[in-house]
């Protein structure tokens, strides 16, 4: 059944999860008619957005992201908040399919009336996010969700894109063998706002404390993203609901600091500008491909790039020059 834009807006505002999901599916669609309606929908809901706290959550596979999100979400709900989870699943590089199993993994959270879980395929988009995650987030904000939790793929892709659409960037760490700092990218350490060492119990408590000390020392050598904010390194177990209160408290403290210094609105404006630049590139590329002669030129220069006839950047420049001459 096709829903009108007004039907979807009313459904979003009333918290109708079925219509919220329909609106997100519309935004994710590549169909030109759907894209037109999606743009109209997003334009009309903009006054309803911007009131949530956007939290990006990353960590290596096995760090316990889904368990953390489930129990952290339930904690926030117990504190009177509504929580939306955008769980980005790795898509198949072959057929773009996705397992989309997060609703199964977050079974208890999915039962909560004030929770909404939306698994979305990354479709090969870099950074472990879907290319419409930002727009999906706006729909959830318009629906009145207080916390938007974005779980990344966590397979070593550029987490910069996650940081670029969220207010707080949370890194989950687990205790393993050897050097605990080995394998943690400097780039991630420069982006994080809160670190949570997960799966801590009596058997590894001392090792976890040592790791916390190492992380704090490493952070001292890096320039903090936010002035007057010292990245906290917290210990706990998401499975046993230990330390999650501390994480919630630190997130609130961090947001309060950003608002007090005026950085909150400034960073959000910068993020929106980056989304503008992303979509400019998308629309220009699509326009090029729709023009028959330009499409031929696009294929020609793309083949030259793949065959290394010349530098790929040179081929891209030659193609863009042709596009501008056509215009």
Protein backbone atom coordinates (compact mmCIF):
# COMPACT_ATOMS: atom_id res chain seq x y z
CA UNK A 1 0.00 0.00 0.00
CA UNK A 2 1.32 3.42 -0.96
CA UNK A 3 1.15 6.09 1.73
CA UNK A 4 0.89 9.82 1.08
CA UNK A 5 3.50 12.17 2.51
CA UNK A 6 0.90 13.51 4.94
CA UNK A 7 0.04 9.96 6.10
CA UNK A 8 3.72 9.33 6.81
CA UNK A 9 4.19 12.63 8.66
CA UNK A 10 1.16 11.94 10.86
CA UNK A 11 2.42 8.42 11.48
CA UNK A 12 5.88 9.69 12.42
CA UNK A 13 4.47 12.29 14.81
CA UNK A 14 2.14 9.77 16.47
CA UNK A 15 4.99 7.28 16.92
CA UNK A 16 3.45 4.65 14.63
CA UNK A 17 6.43 2.28 14.19
CA UNK A 18 5.01 0.75 11.02
CA UNK A 19 4.75 4.14 9.32
CA UNK A 20 8.14 5.24 10.68
CA UNK A 21 9.61 2.12 9.03
CA UNK A 22 7.73 2.91 5.79
CA UNK A 23 9.16 6.45 5.80
CA UNK A 24 12.69 5.09 6.26
CA UNK A 25 12.19 2.59 3.43
CA UNK A 26 11.09 5.50 1.24
CA UNK A 27 14.24 7.47 2.09
CA UNK A 28 16.43 4.43 1.38
CA UNK A 29 14.85 3.81 -2.02
CA UNK A 30 16.74 4.68 -5.21
CA UNK A 31 13.51 4.87 -7.23
CA UNK A 32 13.20 8.41 -8.70
CA UNK A 33 9.53 8.75 -7.71
CA UNK A 34 10.33 7.60 -4.19
CA UNK A 35 13.30 9.99 -4.00
CA UNK A 36 11.02 12.91 -4.91
CA UNK A 37 8.52 11.98 -2.19
CA UNK A 38 11.34 11.37 0.30
CA UNK A 39 12.76 14.84 -0.30
CA UNK A 40 9.29 16.36 0.24
CA UNK A 41 8.87 14.33 3.43
CA UNK A 42 12.27 15.32 4.84
CA UNK A 43 11.65 18.99 4.07
CA UNK A 44 8.33 18.96 5.94
CA UNK A 45 9.62 17.14 9.04
CA UNK A 46 12.73 19.33 9.48
CA UNK A 47 11.05 21.58 12.11
CA UNK A 48 10.46 18.44 14.20
CA UNK A 49 14.11 17.34 14.18
CA UNK A 50 17.27 18.23 16.11
CA UNK A 51 16.17 17.47 19.66
CA UNK A 52 17.80 14.06 20.16
CA UNK A 53 21.26 13.01 21.28
CA UNK A 54 23.02 11.17 18.45
CA UNK A 55 25.44 8.50 19.66
CA UNK A 56 27.83 6.64 17.37
CA UNK A 57 29.03 3.30 18.75
CA UNK A 58 32.00 1.46 17.30
CA UNK A 59 34.34 -1.35 18.24
CA UNK A 60 35.91 -4.44 16.78
CA UNK A 61 33.70 -7.51 16.11
CA UNK A 62 33.23 -9.30 19.42
CA UNK A 63 33.38 -6.12 21.50
CA UNK A 64 29.75 -6.65 22.49
CA UNK A 65 28.19 -3.72 20.62
CA UNK A 66 24.72 -5.27 20.28
CA UNK A 67 24.60 -6.35 23.95
CA UNK A 68 25.81 -2.91 25.00
CA UNK A 69 23.21 -1.14 22.86
CA UNK A 70 20.39 -3.37 24.08
CA UNK A 71 21.09 -2.87 27.78
CA UNK A 72 22.12 0.78 27.43
CA UNK A 73 18.89 1.41 25.52
CA UNK A 74 16.83 -0.28 28.21
CA UNK A 75 18.61 1.84 30.84
CA UNK A 76 17.75 5.05 28.97
CA UNK A 77 14.13 3.91 28.64
CA UNK A 78 14.02 3.17 32.37
CA UNK A 79 15.07 6.80 32.81
CA UNK A 80 12.03 7.97 30.84
CA UNK A 81 13.66 8.30 27.41
CA UNK A 82 12.76 6.95 23.96
CA UNK A 83 15.51 5.15 22.07
CA UNK A 84 15.99 4.47 18.36
CA UNK A 85 18.70 2.09 17.19
CA UNK A 86 20.07 2.28 13.66
CA UNK A 87 22.03 -0.94 13.36
CA UNK A 88 24.09 -0.99 10.20
CA UNK A 89 24.78 -4.52 8.93
CA UNK A 90 27.62 -5.30 6.51
CA UNK A 91 26.22 -5.87 3.04
CA UNK A 92 27.40 -8.54 0.70
CA UNK A 93 29.92 -7.16 -1.76
CA UNK A 94 28.53 -9.59 -4.33
CA UNK A 95 24.78 -9.07 -4.28
CA UNK A 96 24.40 -6.18 -1.78
CA UNK A 97 22.32 -8.40 0.48
CA UNK A 98 22.51 -8.15 4.25
CA UNK A 99 21.92 -10.50 7.16
CA UNK A 100 20.07 -7.81 9.13
CA UNK A 101 20.05 -9.79 12.34
CA UNK A 102 20.12 -7.03 14.97
CA UNK A 103 16.44 -7.29 15.86
CA UNK A 104 17.12 -10.92 16.75
CA UNK A 105 20.20 -10.02 18.79
CA UNK A 106 18.36 -7.19 20.61
CA UNK A 107 15.26 -9.20 21.40
CA UNK A 108 14.54 -7.64 24.80
CA UNK A 109 15.02 -4.07 23.59
CA UNK A 110 12.78 -4.77 20.58
CA UNK A 111 9.94 -5.59 22.99
CA UNK A 112 10.10 -2.14 24.60
CA UNK A 113 7.29 0.23 23.60
CA UNK A 114 9.68 3.20 23.65
CA UNK A 115 12.33 1.54 21.46
CA UNK A 116 12.63 1.39 17.69
CA UNK A 117 15.23 -0.78 15.97
CA UNK A 118 16.01 -0.36 12.32
CA UNK A 119 18.61 -2.62 10.72
CA UNK A 120 19.91 -1.15 7.46
CA UNK A 121 22.40 -2.60 4.98
CA UNK A 122 25.58 -0.58 4.49
CA UNK A 123 25.41 -1.48 0.76
CA UNK A 124 29.15 -1.15 0.53
CA UNK A 125 29.10 2.47 1.70
CA UNK A 126 32.36 3.28 3.47
CA UNK A 127 32.51 4.05 7.16
CA UNK A 128 30.20 1.29 8.29
CA UNK A 129 27.12 3.44 7.83
CA UNK A 130 24.41 3.41 5.20
CA UNK A 131 24.39 6.37 2.83
CA UNK A 132 20.97 7.44 4.15
CA UNK A 133 21.73 6.96 7.86
CA UNK A 134 21.67 10.73 8.42
CA UNK A 135 18.24 11.07 6.82
CA UNK A 136 16.94 8.01 8.71
CA UNK A 137 18.15 9.67 11.90
CA UNK A 138 16.07 12.78 11.09
CA UNK A 139 12.92 10.65 10.78
CA UNK A 140 13.60 9.09 14.19
CA UNK A 141 14.14 12.54 15.70
CA UNK A 142 10.85 13.76 14.22
CA UNK A 143 9.20 10.73 15.86
CA UNK A 144 10.39 12.00 19.24
CA UNK A 145 13.20 9.58 20.05
CA UNK A 146 15.55 11.09 22.63
CA UNK A 147 18.58 8.93 21.88
CA UNK A 148 19.59 7.76 18.41
CA UNK A 149 22.15 4.96 18.75
CA UNK A 150 24.09 4.14 15.59
CA UNK A 151 25.90 0.82 15.63
CA UNK A 152 28.61 0.62 12.98
CA UNK A 153 29.80 -2.43 11.09
CA UNK A 154 33.07 -2.28 13.01
CA UNK A 155 35.28 -3.93 10.42
CA UNK A 156 38.02 -1.31 10.17
CA UNK A 157 36.37 1.03 7.66
CA UNK A 158 36.66 4.77 8.17
CA UNK A 159 34.79 5.65 11.37
CA UNK A 160 35.16 9.31 10.35
CA UNK A 161 31.76 9.07 8.67
CA UNK A 162 30.16 7.87 11.90
CA UNK A 163 31.73 10.70 13.84
CA UNK A 164 30.50 13.12 11.18
CA UNK A 165 26.81 12.41 11.85
CA UNK A 166 26.76 12.02 15.64
CA UNK A 167 27.11 14.16 18.77
CA UNK A 168 28.99 11.57 20.82
CA UNK A 169 31.42 8.95 19.56
CA UNK A 170 31.69 5.93 21.87
CA UNK A 171 34.40 3.30 21.46
CA UNK A 172 33.98 -0.18 22.94
CA UNK A 173 37.16 -2.01 23.90
CA UNK A 174 37.69 -5.55 25.20
CA UNK A 175 40.60 -7.14 27.00
CA UNK A 176 42.73 -9.47 24.87
CA UNK A 177 46.23 -10.86 24.91
CA UNK A 178 49.38 -8.84 24.36
CA UNK A 179 49.68 -5.10 23.95
CA UNK A 180 46.22 -3.66 24.58
CA UNK A 181 46.93 -0.56 22.49
CA UNK A 182 48.08 -2.55 19.49
CA UNK A 183 45.62 -2.34 16.61
CA UNK A 184 43.77 0.74 17.86
CA UNK A 185 44.02 3.28 15.08
CA UNK A 186 45.26 6.72 15.99
CA UNK A 187 42.39 8.17 13.94
CA UNK A 188 39.81 6.44 16.14
CA UNK A 189 41.55 7.61 19.31
CA UNK A 190 41.43 11.17 18.01
CA UNK A 191 37.69 10.94 17.35
CA UNK A 192 36.43 9.21 20.49
CA UNK A 193 34.56 11.10 23.21
CA UNK A 194 33.98 8.18 25.60
CA UNK A 195 35.73 4.79 25.89
CA UNK A 196 34.07 1.80 27.55
CA UNK A 197 36.13 -1.30 28.31
CA UNK A 198 33.52 -4.05 28.08
CA UNK A 199 33.33 -7.64 29.36
CA UNK A 200 35.22 -6.86 32.58
CA UNK A 201 34.88 -9.38 35.41
CA UNK A 202 36.87 -10.51 38.46
CA UNK A 203 39.19 -12.63 36.33
CA UNK A 204 40.42 -9.74 34.19
CA UNK A 205 39.75 -6.73 36.42
CA UNK A 206 43.42 -5.92 37.05
CA UNK A 207 44.25 -6.28 33.36
CA UNK A 208 41.32 -3.97 32.56
CA UNK A 209 42.64 -1.37 35.00
CA UNK A 210 46.08 -1.59 33.40
CA UNK A 211 44.50 -1.14 29.97
CA UNK A 212 42.59 1.90 31.21
CA UNK A 213 45.85 3.41 32.43
CA UNK A 214 47.53 2.73 29.06
CA UNK A 215 44.63 4.29 27.17
CA UNK A 216 44.66 7.38 29.38
CA UNK A 217 48.38 7.81 28.81
CA UNK A 218 47.90 7.46 25.06
CA UNK A 219 45.08 10.02 25.10
CA UNK A 220 47.36 12.52 26.87
CA UNK A 221 49.48 12.66 23.69
CA UNK A 222 46.48 13.50 21.49
CA UNK A 223 44.68 16.80 21.05
CA UNK A 224 41.15 16.57 22.42
CA UNK A 225 38.29 17.27 20.00
CA UNK A 226 36.55 19.37 22.62
CA UNK A 227 38.27 21.91 24.82
CA UNK A 228 37.96 21.14 28.56
CA UNK A 229 36.93 17.53 27.88
CA UNK A 230 39.14 14.70 29.04
CA UNK A 231 38.03 11.48 27.36
CA UNK A 232 36.84 9.13 30.13
CA UNK A 233 37.88 5.47 30.05
CA UNK A 234 35.20 3.47 31.84
CA UNK A 235 35.11 -0.18 32.94
CA UNK A 236 32.14 -2.53 33.04
CA UNK A 237 30.12 -5.36 31.61
CA UNK A 238 27.17 -4.65 29.33
CA UNK A 239 25.96 -8.22 29.78
CA UNK A 240 25.72 -7.76 33.56
CA UNK A 241 24.56 -4.12 33.36
CA UNK A 242 27.69 -2.92 35.12
CA UNK A 243 29.09 0.51 34.32
CA UNK A 244 26.29 1.54 31.94
CA UNK A 245 25.07 4.24 34.35
CA UNK A 246 28.55 5.78 34.19
CA UNK A 247 28.42 5.81 30.37
CA UNK A 248 25.01 7.51 30.37
CA UNK A 249 26.22 10.08 32.89
CA UNK A 250 29.34 10.87 30.83
CA UNK A 251 27.32 11.22 27.62
CA UNK A 252 24.97 13.72 29.30
CA UNK A 253 27.97 15.55 30.80
CA UNK A 254 29.66 15.75 27.39
CA UNK A 255 26.53 17.08 25.65
CA UNK A 256 26.04 19.68 28.40
CA UNK A 257 29.63 20.85 27.92
CA UNK A 258 29.21 21.15 24.12
CA UNK A 259 26.02 23.16 24.57
CA UNK A 260 27.60 25.40 27.18
CA UNK A 261 30.54 26.23 24.88
CA UNK A 262 28.33 26.65 21.79
CA UNK A 263 30.06 23.75 20.05
CA UNK A 264 26.92 21.61 19.90
CA UNK A 265 25.09 23.73 17.33
CA UNK A 266 28.32 24.58 15.48
CA UNK A 267 29.29 20.93 15.00
CA UNK A 268 25.77 20.02 13.89
CA UNK A 269 25.87 22.80 11.29
CA UNK A 270 29.22 21.50 10.01
CA UNK A 271 27.80 17.98 9.78
CA UNK A 272 24.83 19.21 7.74
CA UNK A 273 27.23 21.00 5.39
CA UNK A 274 29.10 17.74 4.86
CA UNK A 275 25.85 15.97 4.04
CA UNK A 276 25.12 18.75 1.53
CA UNK A 277 28.49 18.18 -0.13
CA UNK A 278 27.90 14.41 -0.22
CA UNK A 279 24.52 14.79 -1.94
CA UNK A 280 25.87 17.37 -4.40
CA UNK A 281 28.36 14.74 -5.56
CA UNK A 282 25.65 12.06 -5.71
CA UNK A 283 23.24 14.18 -7.76
CA UNK A 284 25.93 15.42 -10.16
CA UNK A 285 27.11 11.85 -10.80
CA UNK A 286 23.54 10.71 -11.40
CA UNK A 287 22.97 13.60 -13.83
CA UNK A 288 26.10 12.60 -15.72
CA UNK A 289 24.97 9.01 -16.02
CA UNK A 290 21.53 10.03 -17.34
CA UNK A 291 23.10 11.94 -20.24
CA UNK A 292 23.78 9.42 -23.02
CA UNK A 293 26.93 11.04 -24.43
CA UNK A 294 28.26 11.73 -20.94
CA UNK A 295 27.51 8.18 -19.88
CA UNK A 296 29.66 6.95 -22.78
CA UNK A 297 32.45 9.31 -21.73
CA UNK A 298 32.05 8.15 -18.13
CA UNK A 299 32.41 4.49 -19.14
CA UNK A 300 35.38 5.34 -21.41
CA UNK A 301 37.34 7.18 -18.72
CA UNK A 302 36.39 4.62 -16.08
CA UNK A 303 37.83 1.85 -18.28
CA UNK A 304 40.99 3.91 -18.83
CA UNK A 305 41.31 4.27 -15.06
CA UNK A 306 40.79 0.55 -14.40
CA UNK A 307 43.28 -0.38 -17.13
CA UNK A 308 45.73 2.20 -15.75
CA UNK A 309 45.96 3.89 -19.16
CA UNK A 310 46.60 6.95 -17.02
CA UNK A 311 46.20 8.01 -13.41
CA UNK A 312 42.57 7.53 -12.21
CA UNK A 313 42.52 11.11 -10.91
CA UNK A 314 43.56 12.34 -14.38
CA UNK A 315 40.77 10.33 -16.01
CA UNK A 316 38.28 11.75 -13.48
CA UNK A 317 39.49 15.30 -14.25
CA UNK A 318 39.13 14.76 -18.02
CA UNK A 319 35.61 13.42 -17.56
CA UNK A 320 34.51 16.30 -15.31
CA UNK A 321 35.90 18.79 -17.84
CA UNK A 322 33.72 17.19 -20.51
CA UNK A 323 30.72 17.42 -18.20
CA UNK A 324 31.28 21.12 -17.55
CA UNK A 325 31.65 21.85 -21.28
CA UNK A 326 28.33 20.06 -21.90
CA UNK A 327 26.68 22.28 -19.32
